[in-house]
Amino acid sequence: GWGGDTRVVDVHVQRLRTKIGQDRIETVRG
């Protein structure tokens, strides 16, 4: 409910990509 460190998101997205496919989740810069 407050600001958090977005590194938590980035690392979990990368972990998820390694399991379901690197191309399945796309990064939209910015």
PDB file of all heavy atoms in Angstrom:
ATOM      1  N   GLY A   1       0.819  -1.192   0.000  1.00  0.00           N
ATOM      2  CA  GLY A   1       0.000   0.000   0.000  1.00  0.00           C
ATOM      3  C   GLY A   1       0.858   1.248   0.000  1.00  0.00           C
ATOM      4  O   GLY A   1       0.380   2.352   0.165  1.00  0.00           O
ATOM      5  N   TRP A   2       2.151   1.049  -0.177  1.00  0.00           N
ATOM      6  CA  TRP A   2       3.107   2.151  -0.197  1.00  0.00           C
ATOM      7  C   TRP A   2       4.144   1.840  -1.272  1.00  0.00           C
ATOM      8  O   TRP A   2       4.182   0.761  -1.830  1.00  0.00           O
ATOM      9  CB  TRP A   2       3.794   2.285   1.169  1.00  0.00           C
ATOM     10  CG  TRP A   2       4.510   1.047   1.590  1.00  0.00           C
ATOM     11  CD1 TRP A   2       5.795   0.706   1.342  1.00  0.00           C
ATOM     12  CD2 TRP A   2       3.961  -0.055   2.336  1.00  0.00           C
ATOM     13  NE1 TRP A   2       6.096  -0.520   1.876  1.00  0.00           N
ATOM     14  CE2 TRP A   2       4.995  -1.001   2.495  1.00  0.00           C
ATOM     15  CE3 TRP A   2       2.700  -0.312   2.884  1.00  0.00           C
ATOM     16  CZ2 TRP A   2       4.798  -2.201   3.180  1.00  0.00           C
ATOM     17  CZ3 TRP A   2       2.536  -1.514   3.553  1.00  0.00           C
ATOM     18  CH2 TRP A   2       3.555  -2.435   3.709  1.00  0.00           C
ATOM     19  N   GLY A   3       4.998   2.803  -1.550  1.00  0.00           N
ATOM     20  CA  GLY A   3       6.026   2.599  -2.560  1.00  0.00           C
ATOM     21  C   GLY A   3       6.970   1.479  -2.166  1.00  0.00           C
ATOM     22  O   GLY A   3       7.317   1.335  -0.993  1.00  0.00           O
ATOM     23  N   GLY A   4       7.380   0.695  -3.124  1.00  0.00           N
ATOM     24  CA  GLY A   4       8.294  -0.406  -2.851  1.00  0.00           C
ATOM     25  C   GLY A   4       9.411  -0.431  -3.867  1.00  0.00           C
ATOM     26  O   GLY A   4       9.420   0.327  -4.836  1.00  0.00           O
ATOM     27  N   ASP A   5      10.361  -1.303  -3.649  1.00  0.00           N
ATOM     28  CA  ASP A   5      11.503  -1.436  -4.541  1.00  0.00           C
ATOM     29  C   ASP A   5      11.096  -2.263  -5.752  1.00  0.00           C
ATOM     30  O   ASP A   5      10.741  -3.434  -5.623  1.00  0.00           O
ATOM     31  CB  ASP A   5      12.648  -2.107  -3.790  1.00  0.00           C
ATOM     32  CG  ASP A   5      13.949  -2.104  -4.571  1.00  0.00           C
ATOM     33  OD1 ASP A   5      13.905  -1.894  -5.798  1.00  0.00           O
ATOM     34  OD2 ASP A   5      15.007  -2.316  -3.957  1.00  0.00           O
ATOM     35  N   THR A   6      11.138  -1.661  -6.935  1.00  0.00           N
ATOM     36  CA  THR A   6      10.691  -2.374  -8.134  1.00  0.00           C
ATOM     37  C   THR A   6      11.635  -3.487  -8.550  1.00  0.00           C
ATOM     38  O   THR A   6      11.297  -4.268  -9.434  1.00  0.00           O
ATOM     39  CB  THR A   6      10.513  -1.391  -9.305  1.00  0.00           C
ATOM     40  OG1 THR A   6      11.746  -0.694  -9.536  1.00  0.00           O
ATOM     41  CG2 THR A   6       9.415  -0.387  -9.012  1.00  0.00           C
ATOM     42  N   ARG A   7      12.813  -3.578  -7.913  1.00  0.00           N
ATOM     43  CA  ARG A   7      13.685  -4.716  -8.201  1.00  0.00           C
ATOM     44  C   ARG A   7      13.005  -6.030  -7.855  1.00  0.00           C
ATOM     45  O   ARG A   7      13.280  -7.070  -8.470  1.00  0.00           O
ATOM     46  CB  ARG A   7      15.003  -4.586  -7.427  1.00  0.00           C
ATOM     47  CG  ARG A   7      15.957  -3.542  -7.972  1.00  0.00           C
ATOM     48  CD  ARG A   7      17.222  -3.465  -7.155  1.00  0.00           C
ATOM     49  NE  ARG A   7      16.958  -3.035  -5.785  1.00  0.00           N
ATOM     50  CZ  ARG A   7      17.922  -2.850  -4.873  1.00  0.00           C
ATOM     51  NH1 ARG A   7      19.182  -3.074  -5.187  1.00  0.00           N
ATOM     52  NH2 ARG A   7      17.613  -2.453  -3.654  1.00  0.00           N
ATOM     53  N   VAL A   8      12.129  -5.996  -6.863  1.00  0.00           N
ATOM     54  CA  VAL A   8      11.382  -7.196  -6.493  1.00  0.00           C
ATOM     55  C   VAL A   8      10.579  -7.696  -7.692  1.00  0.00           C
ATOM     56  O   VAL A   8      10.555  -8.894  -7.988  1.00  0.00           O
ATOM     57  CB  VAL A   8      10.443  -6.905  -5.303  1.00  0.00           C
ATOM     58  CG1 VAL A   8       9.567  -8.108  -5.016  1.00  0.00           C
ATOM     59  CG2 VAL A   8      11.236  -6.511  -4.074  1.00  0.00           C
ATOM     60  N   VAL A   9       9.935  -6.768  -8.396  1.00  0.00           N
ATOM     61  CA  VAL A   9       9.151  -7.126  -9.582  1.00  0.00           C
ATOM     62  C   VAL A   9      10.060  -7.636 -10.686  1.00  0.00           C
ATOM     63  O   VAL A   9       9.811  -8.688 -11.292  1.00  0.00           O
ATOM     64  CB  VAL A   9       8.333  -5.926 -10.078  1.00  0.00           C
ATOM     65  CG1 VAL A   9       7.586  -6.284 -11.367  1.00  0.00           C
ATOM     66  CG2 VAL A   9       7.354  -5.465  -9.013  1.00  0.00           C
ATOM     67  N   ASP A  10      11.122  -6.895 -10.977  1.00  0.00           N
ATOM     68  CA  ASP A  10      11.998  -7.245 -12.094  1.00  0.00           C
ATOM     69  C   ASP A  10      12.599  -8.636 -11.936  1.00  0.00           C
ATOM     70  O   ASP A  10      12.636  -9.424 -12.889  1.00  0.00           O
ATOM     71  CB  ASP A  10      13.127  -6.208 -12.224  1.00  0.00           C
ATOM     72  CG  ASP A  10      12.605  -4.835 -12.599  1.00  0.00           C
ATOM     73  OD1 ASP A  10      11.518  -4.752 -13.201  1.00  0.00           O
ATOM     74  OD2 ASP A  10      13.284  -3.839 -12.288  1.00  0.00           O
ATOM     75  N   VAL A  11      13.065  -8.953 -10.734  1.00  0.00           N
ATOM     76  CA  VAL A  11      13.680 -10.261 -10.512  1.00  0.00           C
ATOM     77  C   VAL A  11      12.648 -11.372 -10.624  1.00  0.00           C
ATOM     78  O   VAL A  11      12.908 -12.428 -11.224  1.00  0.00           O
ATOM     79  CB  VAL A  11      14.390 -10.309  -9.142  1.00  0.00           C
ATOM     80  CG1 VAL A  11      14.897 -11.729  -8.858  1.00  0.00           C
ATOM     81  CG2 VAL A  11      15.559  -9.337  -9.110  1.00  0.00           C
ATOM     82  N   HIS A  12      11.448 -11.151 -10.099  1.00  0.00           N
ATOM     83  CA  HIS A  12      10.414 -12.186 -10.193  1.00  0.00           C
ATOM     84  C   HIS A  12       9.942 -12.379 -11.627  1.00  0.00           C
ATOM     85  O   HIS A  12       9.644 -13.513 -12.042  1.00  0.00           O
ATOM     86  CB  HIS A  12       9.237 -11.841  -9.281  1.00  0.00           C
ATOM     87  CG  HIS A  12       9.433 -12.294  -7.868  1.00  0.00           C
ATOM     88  ND1 HIS A  12      10.161 -11.571  -6.959  1.00  0.00           N
ATOM     89  CD2 HIS A  12       9.011 -13.411  -7.218  1.00  0.00           C
ATOM     90  CE1 HIS A  12      10.178 -12.215  -5.802  1.00  0.00           C
ATOM     91  NE2 HIS A  12       9.489 -13.323  -5.933  1.00  0.00           N
ATOM     92  N   VAL A  13       9.871 -11.300 -12.399  1.00  0.00           N
ATOM     93  CA  VAL A  13       9.515 -11.442 -13.816  1.00  0.00           C
ATOM     94  C   VAL A  13      10.570 -12.281 -14.532  1.00  0.00           C
ATOM     95  O   VAL A  13      10.234 -13.172 -15.326  1.00  0.00           O
ATOM     96  CB  VAL A  13       9.365 -10.066 -14.487  1.00  0.00           C
ATOM     97  CG1 VAL A  13       9.324 -10.208 -16.006  1.00  0.00           C
ATOM     98  CG2 VAL A  13       8.099  -9.374 -14.010  1.00  0.00           C
ATOM     99  N   GLN A  14      11.839 -12.022 -14.243  1.00  0.00           N
ATOM    100  CA  GLN A  14      12.895 -12.794 -14.891  1.00  0.00           C
ATOM    101  C   GLN A  14      12.834 -14.255 -14.487  1.00  0.00           C
ATOM    102  O   GLN A  14      13.013 -15.155 -15.325  1.00  0.00           O
ATOM    103  CB  GLN A  14      14.268 -12.204 -14.545  1.00  0.00           C
ATOM    104  CG  GLN A  14      15.423 -12.864 -15.277  1.00  0.00           C
ATOM    105  CD  GLN A  14      15.238 -12.888 -16.779  1.00  0.00           C
ATOM    106  OE1 GLN A  14      14.793 -11.902 -17.376  1.00  0.00           O
ATOM    107  NE2 GLN A  14      15.550 -14.006 -17.408  1.00  0.00           N
ATOM    108  N   ARG A  15      12.563 -14.527 -13.199  1.00  0.00           N
ATOM    109  CA  ARG A  15      12.423 -15.909 -12.752  1.00  0.00           C
ATOM    110  C   ARG A  15      11.249 -16.589 -13.441  1.00  0.00           C
ATOM    111  O   ARG A  15      11.330 -17.760 -13.834  1.00  0.00           O
ATOM    112  CB  ARG A  15      12.245 -15.955 -11.233  1.00  0.00           C
ATOM    113  CG  ARG A  15      13.551 -15.850 -10.466  1.00  0.00           C
ATOM    114  CD  ARG A  15      13.355 -15.623  -8.983  1.00  0.00           C
ATOM    115  NE  ARG A  15      12.318 -16.468  -8.395  1.00  0.00           N
ATOM    116  CZ  ARG A  15      11.860 -16.293  -7.170  1.00  0.00           C
ATOM    117  NH1 ARG A  15      12.320 -15.318  -6.415  1.00  0.00           N
ATOM    118  NH2 ARG A  15      10.937 -17.097  -6.688  1.00  0.00           N
ATOM    119  N   LEU A  16      10.152 -15.851 -13.591  1.00  0.00           N
ATOM    120  CA  LEU A  16       8.976 -16.405 -14.256  1.00  0.00           C
ATOM    121  C   LEU A  16       9.270 -16.693 -15.726  1.00  0.00           C
ATOM    122  O   LEU A  16       8.849 -17.723 -16.263  1.00  0.00           O
ATOM    123  CB  LEU A  16       7.810 -15.438 -14.117  1.00  0.00           C
ATOM    124  CG  LEU A  16       6.444 -15.894 -14.632  1.00  0.00           C
ATOM    125  CD1 LEU A  16       6.002 -17.181 -13.952  1.00  0.00           C
ATOM    126  CD2 LEU A  16       5.404 -14.796 -14.408  1.00  0.00           C
ATOM    127  N   ARG A  17       9.993 -15.799 -16.369  1.00  0.00           N
ATOM    128  CA  ARG A  17      10.353 -16.009 -17.787  1.00  0.00           C
ATOM    129  C   ARG A  17      11.149 -17.284 -17.997  1.00  0.00           C
ATOM    130  O   ARG A  17      10.948 -18.002 -18.972  1.00  0.00           O
ATOM    131  CB  ARG A  17      11.171 -14.814 -18.291  1.00  0.00           C
ATOM    132  CG  ARG A  17      10.359 -13.594 -18.690  1.00  0.00           C
ATOM    133  CD  ARG A  17      11.283 -12.445 -18.965  1.00  0.00           C
ATOM    134  NE  ARG A  17      10.605 -11.321 -19.614  1.00  0.00           N
ATOM    135  CZ  ARG A  17      11.058 -10.089 -19.619  1.00  0.00           C
ATOM    136  NH1 ARG A  17      12.205  -9.799 -18.994  1.00  0.00           N
ATOM    137  NH2 ARG A  17      10.387  -9.132 -20.237  1.00  0.00           N
ATOM    138  N   THR A  18      12.083 -17.564 -17.081  1.00  0.00           N
ATOM    139  CA  THR A  18      12.892 -18.769 -17.247  1.00  0.00           C
ATOM    140  C   THR A  18      12.049 -20.035 -17.176  1.00  0.00           C
ATOM    141  O   THR A  18      12.450 -21.080 -17.695  1.00  0.00           O
ATOM    142  CB  THR A  18      14.000 -18.837 -16.175  1.00  0.00           C
ATOM    143  OG1 THR A  18      13.410 -18.954 -14.877  1.00  0.00           O
ATOM    144  CG2 THR A  18      14.888 -17.607 -16.232  1.00  0.00           C
ATOM    145  N   LYS A  19      10.868 -19.942 -16.544  1.00  0.00           N
ATOM    146  CA  LYS A  19      10.025 -21.120 -16.376  1.00  0.00           C
ATOM    147  C   LYS A  19       8.957 -21.255 -17.456  1.00  0.00           C
ATOM    148  O   LYS A  19       8.616 -22.372 -17.846  1.00  0.00           O
ATOM    149  CB  LYS A  19       9.360 -21.080 -14.995  1.00  0.00           C
ATOM    150  CG  LYS A  19      10.362 -21.176 -13.847  1.00  0.00           C
ATOM    151  CD  LYS A  19       9.669 -21.193 -12.490  1.00  0.00           C
ATOM    152  CE  LYS A  19      10.664 -21.323 -11.366  1.00  0.00           C
ATOM    153  NZ  LYS A  19      10.015 -21.431 -10.031  1.00  0.00           N
ATOM    154  N   ILE A  20       8.420 -20.132 -17.939  1.00  0.00           N
ATOM    155  CA  ILE A  20       7.320 -20.216 -18.912  1.00  0.00           C
ATOM    156  C   ILE A  20       7.744 -19.811 -20.311  1.00  0.00           C
ATOM    157  O   ILE A  20       6.968 -19.944 -21.256  1.00  0.00           O
ATOM    158  CB  ILE A  20       6.124 -19.361 -18.481  1.00  0.00           C
ATOM    159  CG1 ILE A  20       6.459 -17.868 -18.542  1.00  0.00           C
ATOM    160  CG2 ILE A  20       5.642 -19.759 -17.098  1.00  0.00           C
ATOM    161  CD1 ILE A  20       5.265 -16.965 -18.339  1.00  0.00           C
ATOM    162  N   GLY A  21       8.977 -19.327 -20.462  1.00  0.00           N
ATOM    163  CA  GLY A  21       9.464 -18.912 -21.778  1.00  0.00           C
ATOM    164  C   GLY A  21       9.891 -17.451 -21.766  1.00  0.00           C
ATOM    165  O   GLY A  21       9.124 -16.583 -21.334  1.00  0.00           O
ATOM    166  N   GLN A  22      11.094 -17.190 -22.214  1.00  0.00           N
ATOM    167  CA  GLN A  22      11.633 -15.828 -22.159  1.00  0.00           C
ATOM    168  C   GLN A  22      10.806 -14.842 -22.968  1.00  0.00           C
ATOM    169  O   GLN A  22      10.734 -13.655 -22.640  1.00  0.00           O
ATOM    170  CB  GLN A  22      13.087 -15.831 -22.676  1.00  0.00           C
ATOM    171  CG  GLN A  22      14.077 -16.521 -21.758  1.00  0.00           C
ATOM    172  CD  GLN A  22      14.322 -15.746 -20.474  1.00  0.00           C
ATOM    173  OE1 GLN A  22      14.009 -14.570 -20.378  1.00  0.00           O
ATOM    174  NE2 GLN A  22      14.884 -16.412 -19.478  1.00  0.00           N
ATOM    175  N   ASP A  23      10.170 -15.300 -24.049  1.00  0.00           N
ATOM    176  CA  ASP A  23       9.443 -14.391 -24.930  1.00  0.00           C
ATOM    177  C   ASP A  23       7.983 -14.206 -24.536  1.00  0.00           C
ATOM    178  O   ASP A  23       7.277 -13.405 -25.152  1.00  0.00           O
ATOM    179  CB  ASP A  23       9.509 -14.897 -26.378  1.00  0.00           C
ATOM    180  CG  ASP A  23      10.929 -14.932 -26.918  1.00  0.00           C
ATOM    181  OD1 ASP A  23      11.739 -14.114 -26.451  1.00  0.00           O
ATOM    182  OD2 ASP A  23      11.221 -15.768 -27.795  1.00  0.00           O
ATOM    183  N   ARG A  24       7.508 -14.940 -23.538  1.00  0.00           N
ATOM    184  CA  ARG A  24       6.084 -14.880 -23.203  1.00  0.00           C
ATOM    185  C   ARG A  24       5.722 -13.560 -22.521  1.00  0.00           C
ATOM    186  O   ARG A  24       4.623 -13.035 -22.708  1.00  0.00           O
ATOM    187  CB  ARG A  24       5.725 -16.064 -22.308  1.00  0.00           C
ATOM    188  CG  ARG A  24       4.269 -16.144 -21.877  1.00  0.00           C
ATOM    189  CD  ARG A  24       3.307 -16.118 -23.027  1.00  0.00           C
ATOM    190  NE  ARG A  24       3.500 -17.188 -23.988  1.00  0.00           N
ATOM    191  CZ  ARG A  24       2.841 -17.286 -25.123  1.00  0.00           C
ATOM    192  NH1 ARG A  24       1.966 -16.346 -25.461  1.00  0.00           N
ATOM    193  NH2 ARG A  24       3.072 -18.275 -25.947  1.00  0.00           N
ATOM    194  N   ILE A  25       6.636 -13.014 -21.712  1.00  0.00           N
ATOM    195  CA  ILE A  25       6.387 -11.732 -21.041  1.00  0.00           C
ATOM    196  C   ILE A  25       7.288 -10.688 -21.680  1.00  0.00           C
ATOM    197  O   ILE A  25       8.509 -10.821 -21.688  1.00  0.00           O
ATOM    198  CB  ILE A  25       6.657 -11.828 -19.533  1.00  0.00           C
ATOM    199  CG1 ILE A  25       5.722 -12.859 -18.890  1.00  0.00           C
ATOM    200  CG2 ILE A  25       6.467 -10.468 -18.867  1.00  0.00           C
ATOM    201  CD1 ILE A  25       5.999 -13.101 -17.423  1.00  0.00           C
ATOM    202  N   GLU A  26       6.674  -9.661 -22.206  1.00  0.00           N
ATOM    203  CA  GLU A  26       7.399  -8.624 -22.943  1.00  0.00           C
ATOM    204  C   GLU A  26       7.636  -7.397 -22.060  1.00  0.00           C
ATOM    205  O   GLU A  26       6.754  -6.963 -21.322  1.00  0.00           O
ATOM    206  CB  GLU A  26       6.597  -8.216 -24.176  1.00  0.00           C
ATOM    207  CG  GLU A  26       7.269  -7.148 -25.029  1.00  0.00           C
ATOM    208  CD  GLU A  26       6.431  -6.774 -26.236  1.00  0.00           C
ATOM    209  OE1 GLU A  26       5.469  -7.523 -26.547  1.00  0.00           O
ATOM    210  OE2 GLU A  26       6.730  -5.735 -26.864  1.00  0.00           O
ATOM    211  N   THR A  27       8.851  -6.853 -22.149  1.00  0.00           N
ATOM    212  CA  THR A  27       9.171  -5.609 -21.460  1.00  0.00           C
ATOM    213  C   THR A  27       8.781  -4.429 -22.340  1.00  0.00           C
ATOM    214  O   THR A  27       9.151  -4.368 -23.510  1.00  0.00           O
ATOM    215  CB  THR A  27      10.677  -5.519 -21.151  1.00  0.00           C
ATOM    216  OG1 THR A  27      11.065  -6.618 -20.316  1.00  0.00           O
ATOM    217  CG2 THR A  27      11.011  -4.213 -20.435  1.00  0.00           C
ATOM    218  N   VAL A  28       8.019  -3.517 -21.784  1.00  0.00           N
ATOM    219  CA  VAL A  28       7.664  -2.283 -22.484  1.00  0.00           C
ATOM    220  C   VAL A  28       8.424  -1.167 -21.784  1.00  0.00           C
ATOM    221  O   VAL A  28       8.057  -0.733 -20.690  1.00  0.00           O
ATOM    222  CB  VAL A  28       6.145  -2.024 -22.443  1.00  0.00           C
ATOM    223  CG1 VAL A  28       5.812  -0.753 -23.216  1.00  0.00           C
ATOM    224  CG2 VAL A  28       5.387  -3.213 -23.030  1.00  0.00           C
ATOM    225  N   ARG A  29       9.504  -0.734 -22.378  1.00  0.00           N
ATOM    226  CA  ARG A  29      10.424   0.196 -21.726  1.00  0.00           C
ATOM    227  C   ARG A  29       9.720   1.466 -21.266  1.00  0.00           C
ATOM    228  O   ARG A  29       8.983   2.087 -22.014  1.00  0.00           O
ATOM    229  CB  ARG A  29      11.578   0.553 -22.655  1.00  0.00           C
ATOM    230  CG  ARG A  29      12.505  -0.615 -22.948  1.00  0.00           C
ATOM    231  CD  ARG A  29      13.759  -0.169 -23.680  1.00  0.00           C
ATOM    232  NE  ARG A  29      14.644  -1.290 -23.950  1.00  0.00           N
ATOM    233  CZ  ARG A  29      15.503  -1.799 -23.074  1.00  0.00           C
ATOM    234  NH1 ARG A  29      15.578  -1.250 -21.865  1.00  0.00           N
ATOM    235  NH2 ARG A  29      16.269  -2.822 -23.379  1.00  0.00           N
ATOM    236  N   GLY A  30       9.997   1.808 -20.017  1.00  0.00           N
ATOM    237  CA  GLY A  30       9.424   3.016 -19.455  1.00  0.00           C
ATOM    238  C   GLY A  30       8.026   2.843 -18.890  1.00  0.00           C
ATOM    239  O   GLY A  30       7.490   3.773 -18.270  1.00  0.00           O
TER     240      GLY A  30
END
